[in-house]
Protein backbone atom coordinates (compact mmCIF):
# COMPACT_ATOMS: atom_id res chain seq x y z
CA UNK A 1 41.01 -0.13 -70.89
CA UNK A 2 39.17 2.34 -73.10
CA UNK A 3 41.21 5.41 -72.11
CA UNK A 4 43.47 5.52 -75.13
CA UNK A 5 41.43 4.94 -78.21
CA UNK A 6 40.67 2.00 -80.41
CA UNK A 7 44.16 1.49 -81.82
CA UNK A 8 45.81 0.27 -78.61
CA UNK A 9 42.76 -1.41 -77.04
CA UNK A 10 43.67 -4.96 -78.18
CA UNK A 11 47.17 -4.49 -76.77
CA UNK A 12 45.88 -3.23 -73.45
CA UNK A 13 43.44 -6.18 -73.17
CA UNK A 14 46.30 -8.63 -73.83
CA UNK A 15 48.46 -6.87 -71.25
CA UNK A 16 45.65 -7.00 -68.66
CA UNK A 17 45.33 -10.75 -69.16
CA UNK A 18 49.09 -11.22 -68.83
CA UNK A 19 49.33 -9.27 -65.58
CA UNK A 20 46.52 -11.24 -63.91
CA UNK A 21 48.65 -13.59 -61.81
CA UNK A 22 45.68 -14.94 -59.80
CA UNK A 23 43.71 -15.82 -62.95
CA UNK A 24 40.50 -14.30 -61.71
CA UNK A 25 40.04 -11.60 -64.36
CA UNK A 26 38.45 -12.25 -67.75
CA UNK A 27 38.65 -9.98 -70.79
CA UNK A 28 37.40 -10.27 -74.31
CA UNK A 29 37.45 -7.83 -77.21
CA UNK A 30 35.13 -8.56 -80.11
CA UNK A 31 34.26 -6.84 -83.35
CA UNK A 32 30.90 -5.25 -83.86
CA UNK A 33 29.51 -8.49 -85.26
CA UNK A 34 30.93 -10.65 -82.36
CA UNK A 35 34.19 -11.91 -83.87
CA UNK A 36 36.97 -12.44 -81.27
CA UNK A 37 39.90 -10.03 -81.43
CA UNK A 38 41.88 -10.47 -78.18
CA UNK A 39 41.56 -11.58 -74.54
CA UNK A 40 41.07 -14.84 -72.67
CA UNK A 41 37.31 -14.95 -73.38
CA UNK A 42 36.71 -16.42 -76.84
CA UNK A 43 32.92 -16.04 -77.05
CA UNK A 44 30.36 -13.62 -75.70
CA UNK A 45 27.96 -15.09 -73.12
CA UNK A 46 24.50 -15.11 -74.70
CA UNK A 47 22.79 -14.24 -71.41
CA UNK A 48 24.53 -10.90 -70.88
CA UNK A 49 23.02 -7.86 -72.63
CA UNK A 50 25.36 -5.32 -74.19
CA UNK A 51 24.51 -2.41 -71.90
CA UNK A 52 27.60 -1.90 -69.72
CA UNK A 53 25.76 -2.90 -66.50
CA UNK A 54 27.61 -5.34 -64.19
CA UNK A 55 25.62 -8.50 -63.59
CA UNK A 56 26.16 -11.81 -61.87
CA UNK A 57 27.32 -14.44 -64.29
CA UNK A 58 26.68 -18.14 -63.84
CA UNK A 59 29.25 -20.26 -65.62
CA UNK A 60 30.36 -23.74 -64.62
CA UNK A 61 34.04 -22.83 -64.24
CA UNK A 62 33.37 -19.65 -62.20
CA UNK A 63 32.63 -19.41 -58.50
CA UNK A 64 29.20 -18.23 -57.29
CA UNK A 65 29.12 -14.46 -57.04
CA UNK A 66 31.19 -13.79 -60.18
CA UNK A 67 30.22 -10.67 -62.11
CA UNK A 68 30.74 -9.39 -65.65
CA UNK A 69 29.63 -6.67 -68.04
CA UNK A 70 29.50 -6.27 -71.81
CA UNK A 71 29.77 -2.78 -73.30
CA UNK A 72 29.87 -1.49 -76.87
CA UNK A 73 32.68 0.94 -77.56
CA UNK A 74 32.05 4.29 -79.27
CA UNK A 75 33.82 2.99 -82.40
CA UNK A 76 31.63 -0.16 -82.53
CA UNK A 77 33.74 -2.88 -80.93
CA UNK A 78 32.36 -4.95 -78.03
CA UNK A 79 34.33 -5.27 -74.75
CA UNK A 80 33.72 -8.02 -72.15
CA UNK A 81 35.14 -7.67 -68.62
CA UNK A 82 34.52 -10.32 -65.93
CA UNK A 83 35.72 -11.01 -62.41
CA UNK A 84 35.79 -14.46 -60.78
CA UNK A 85 34.68 -14.53 -57.10
CA UNK A 86 37.41 -17.01 -56.23
CA UNK A 87 38.73 -14.82 -53.42
CA UNK A 88 35.23 -14.33 -52.04
CA UNK A 89 34.59 -18.05 -52.17
CA UNK A 90 37.90 -18.75 -50.43
CA UNK A 91 37.09 -16.19 -47.78
CA UNK A 92 33.66 -17.72 -47.37
CA UNK A 93 35.25 -21.13 -46.94
CA UNK A 94 37.68 -19.78 -44.36
CA UNK A 95 34.83 -18.17 -42.40
CA UNK A 96 32.68 -21.31 -42.59
CA UNK A 97 35.56 -23.52 -41.46
CA UNK A 98 36.44 -21.10 -38.67
CA UNK A 99 32.83 -21.00 -37.50
CA UNK A 100 32.53 -24.78 -37.65
CA UNK A 101 35.79 -25.28 -35.77
CA UNK A 102 35.05 -22.64 -33.15
CA UNK A 103 31.48 -23.89 -32.79
CA UNK A 104 32.71 -27.43 -32.25
CA UNK A 105 35.28 -26.28 -29.70
CA UNK A 106 32.70 -24.15 -27.91
CA UNK A 107 30.29 -27.10 -27.82
CA UNK A 108 32.91 -29.51 -26.51
CA UNK A 109 34.27 -27.03 -23.96
CA UNK A 110 30.75 -26.06 -22.92
CA UNK A 111 29.71 -29.66 -22.39
CA UNK A 112 32.94 -30.38 -20.53
CA UNK A 113 32.52 -27.33 -18.31
CA UNK A 114 28.88 -28.19 -17.65
CA UNK A 115 29.82 -31.75 -16.71
CA UNK A 116 32.63 -30.55 -14.44
CA UNK A 117 30.42 -27.96 -12.76
CA UNK A 118 27.60 -30.48 -12.24
CA UNK A 119 29.77 -33.09 -10.51
CA UNK A 120 29.82 -31.30 -7.15
CA UNK A 121 26.04 -30.62 -7.02
CA UNK A 122 25.32 -34.21 -8.08
CA UNK A 123 27.64 -35.52 -5.36
CA UNK A 124 25.87 -33.32 -2.80
CA UNK A 125 22.48 -34.55 -4.00
CA UNK A 126 23.68 -38.15 -3.58
CA UNK A 127 24.69 -37.33 0.01
CA UNK A 128 21.24 -35.82 0.62
CA UNK A 129 19.62 -38.94 -0.82
CA UNK A 130 21.66 -41.24 1.43
CA UNK A 131 20.81 -39.19 4.52
CA UNK A 132 17.12 -39.18 3.56
CA UNK A 133 17.13 -42.96 3.18
CA UNK A 134 18.68 -43.33 6.65
CA UNK A 135 15.97 -41.08 8.10
CA UNK A 136 13.26 -43.12 6.37
CA UNK A 137 14.67 -46.26 8.02
CA UNK A 138 14.03 -44.75 11.45
CA UNK A 139 17.32 -43.09 12.34
CA UNK A 140 15.83 -39.94 13.84
CA UNK A 141 19.18 -38.36 14.61
CA UNK A 142 20.25 -38.22 10.94
CA UNK A 143 20.31 -34.76 9.33
CA UNK A 144 20.90 -33.68 5.75
CA UNK A 145 24.44 -32.36 5.19
CA UNK A 146 24.83 -28.58 4.75
CA UNK A 147 27.93 -27.07 3.13
CA UNK A 148 29.52 -23.66 3.58
CA UNK A 149 28.29 -22.40 0.22
CA UNK A 150 24.82 -21.52 1.52
CA UNK A 151 23.27 -22.03 -1.90
CA UNK A 152 19.81 -23.27 -2.87
CA UNK A 153 20.65 -26.89 -2.04
CA UNK A 154 21.79 -25.84 1.44
CA UNK A 155 18.61 -23.81 1.91
CA UNK A 156 16.49 -26.84 1.00
CA UNK A 157 18.56 -29.08 3.30
CA UNK A 158 18.14 -26.55 6.12
CA UNK A 159 14.36 -26.54 5.75
CA UNK A 160 14.32 -30.34 5.72
CA UNK A 161 16.52 -30.47 8.84
CA UNK A 162 14.18 -28.09 10.66
CA UNK A 163 11.24 -30.32 9.79
CA UNK A 164 13.15 -33.38 10.98
CA UNK A 165 14.08 -31.63 14.26
CA UNK A 166 10.42 -30.83 14.88
CA UNK A 167 9.34 -34.36 13.97
CA UNK A 168 11.93 -35.84 16.33
CA UNK A 169 10.85 -33.51 19.13
CA UNK A 170 7.20 -34.47 18.71
CA UNK A 171 8.05 -38.16 18.62
CA UNK A 172 10.09 -37.90 21.83
CA UNK A 173 7.21 -36.03 23.49
CA UNK A 174 4.76 -38.74 22.48
CA UNK A 175 7.15 -41.41 23.70
CA UNK A 176 7.66 -39.56 26.99
CA UNK A 177 3.92 -39.22 27.55
CA UNK A 178 3.33 -42.88 26.79
CA UNK A 179 6.17 -44.00 29.04
CA UNK A 180 4.98 -41.82 31.92
CA UNK A 181 1.39 -42.99 31.63
CA UNK A 182 2.38 -46.63 31.38
CA UNK A 183 4.84 -46.36 34.26
CA UNK A 184 2.54 -44.40 36.58
CA UNK A 185 -0.55 -46.52 36.00
CA UNK A 186 0.88 -49.96 35.42
CA UNK A 187 1.90 -50.50 39.05
CA UNK A 188 -1.54 -49.59 40.52
CA UNK A 189 -3.22 -51.75 37.89
CA UNK A 190 -0.99 -54.69 38.76
CA UNK A 191 -1.87 -54.24 42.40
CA UNK A 192 -5.57 -54.00 41.55
CA UNK A 193 -5.40 -57.19 39.54
CA UNK A 194 -3.53 -59.01 42.31
CA UNK A 195 -6.19 -57.89 44.76
CA UNK A 196 -9.04 -58.99 42.50
CA UNK A 197 -7.35 -62.33 41.91
CA UNK A 198 -6.92 -62.82 45.66
CA UNK A 199 -10.58 -62.03 46.22
CA UNK A 200 -11.47 -64.44 43.43
CA UNK A 201 -9.40 -67.21 44.99
CA UNK A 202 -10.05 -66.73 48.72
CA UNK A 203 -13.73 -65.79 48.87
CA UNK A 204 -16.69 -68.09 48.53
CA UNK A 205 -18.65 -65.69 46.33
CA UNK A 206 -21.03 -67.26 43.89
CA UNK A 207 -23.61 -66.16 41.40
CA UNK A 208 -23.66 -62.52 40.23
CA UNK A 209 -20.97 -61.43 42.70
CA UNK A 210 -18.44 -63.95 41.29
CA UNK A 211 -19.30 -62.93 37.72
CA UNK A 212 -18.58 -59.31 38.64
CA UNK A 213 -15.17 -60.31 40.06
CA UNK A 214 -14.37 -62.26 36.86
CA UNK A 215 -15.45 -59.31 34.70
CA UNK A 216 -13.28 -56.93 36.76
CA UNK A 217 -10.28 -59.25 36.30
CA UNK A 218 -10.89 -59.35 32.53
CA UNK A 219 -11.16 -55.57 32.30
CA UNK A 220 -7.96 -55.19 34.35
CA UNK A 221 -6.10 -57.58 32.01
CA UNK A 222 -7.38 -55.58 29.03
CA UNK A 223 -6.05 -52.34 30.56
CA UNK A 224 -2.65 -53.91 31.20
CA UNK A 225 -2.58 -55.08 27.56
CA UNK A 226 -3.31 -51.52 26.42
CA UNK A 227 -0.44 -50.14 28.51
CA UNK A 228 1.97 -52.73 27.11
CA UNK A 229 0.86 -51.59 23.63
CA UNK A 230 1.63 -47.99 24.59
CA UNK A 231 5.12 -49.03 25.61
CA UNK A 232 5.64 -50.79 22.27
CA UNK A 233 4.45 -47.66 20.45
CA UNK A 234 6.98 -45.59 22.39
CA UNK A 235 9.73 -48.01 21.34
């Protein structure tokens, strides 16, 4: 604006205002004592020093980030040049809206993907829970399902199945031992009791001898009761 002398400066300021189609540039030419000469700025801002240094200007009708300078010309006139940060504010709004929209989409898609990816593991965990409940009810042949993925859930199910196999084996061994003992000893005990009962009925024993026979019968009945309890434990 100043490259041409003082004579044409008012004309150049007016032309600069006229060519500003976006209405974001502000110009003002004032006399040495602050009287308006030309431009779209009618008064000098009192907060801006006349030193030619660009500074941020805070005016109600300008966007945040607007800048302006005031400089005294060599011939004494004062020139004001300002720039509205309307484009910067619009760009900031575009970026903020884009970030908000993309953040919302990312959040929705992320939650949807997480829900979709968690359905299969949750379904597998429900199957594990159902199998565990069946095992707790006494179904020793039930095993936790194992998929072909061989992931952490399958590893945990495999360990649990190994433990259940060992528990079932030990239970069958205990049952087998109890059944064998009860089967092998129950018949001789029944014969012994029948013999004691026959002695008790057919002999004329009295006194201590008869008490010993009665005590032997009672002990034999107690042993038979124990063996029947072993059979129930096996069941």
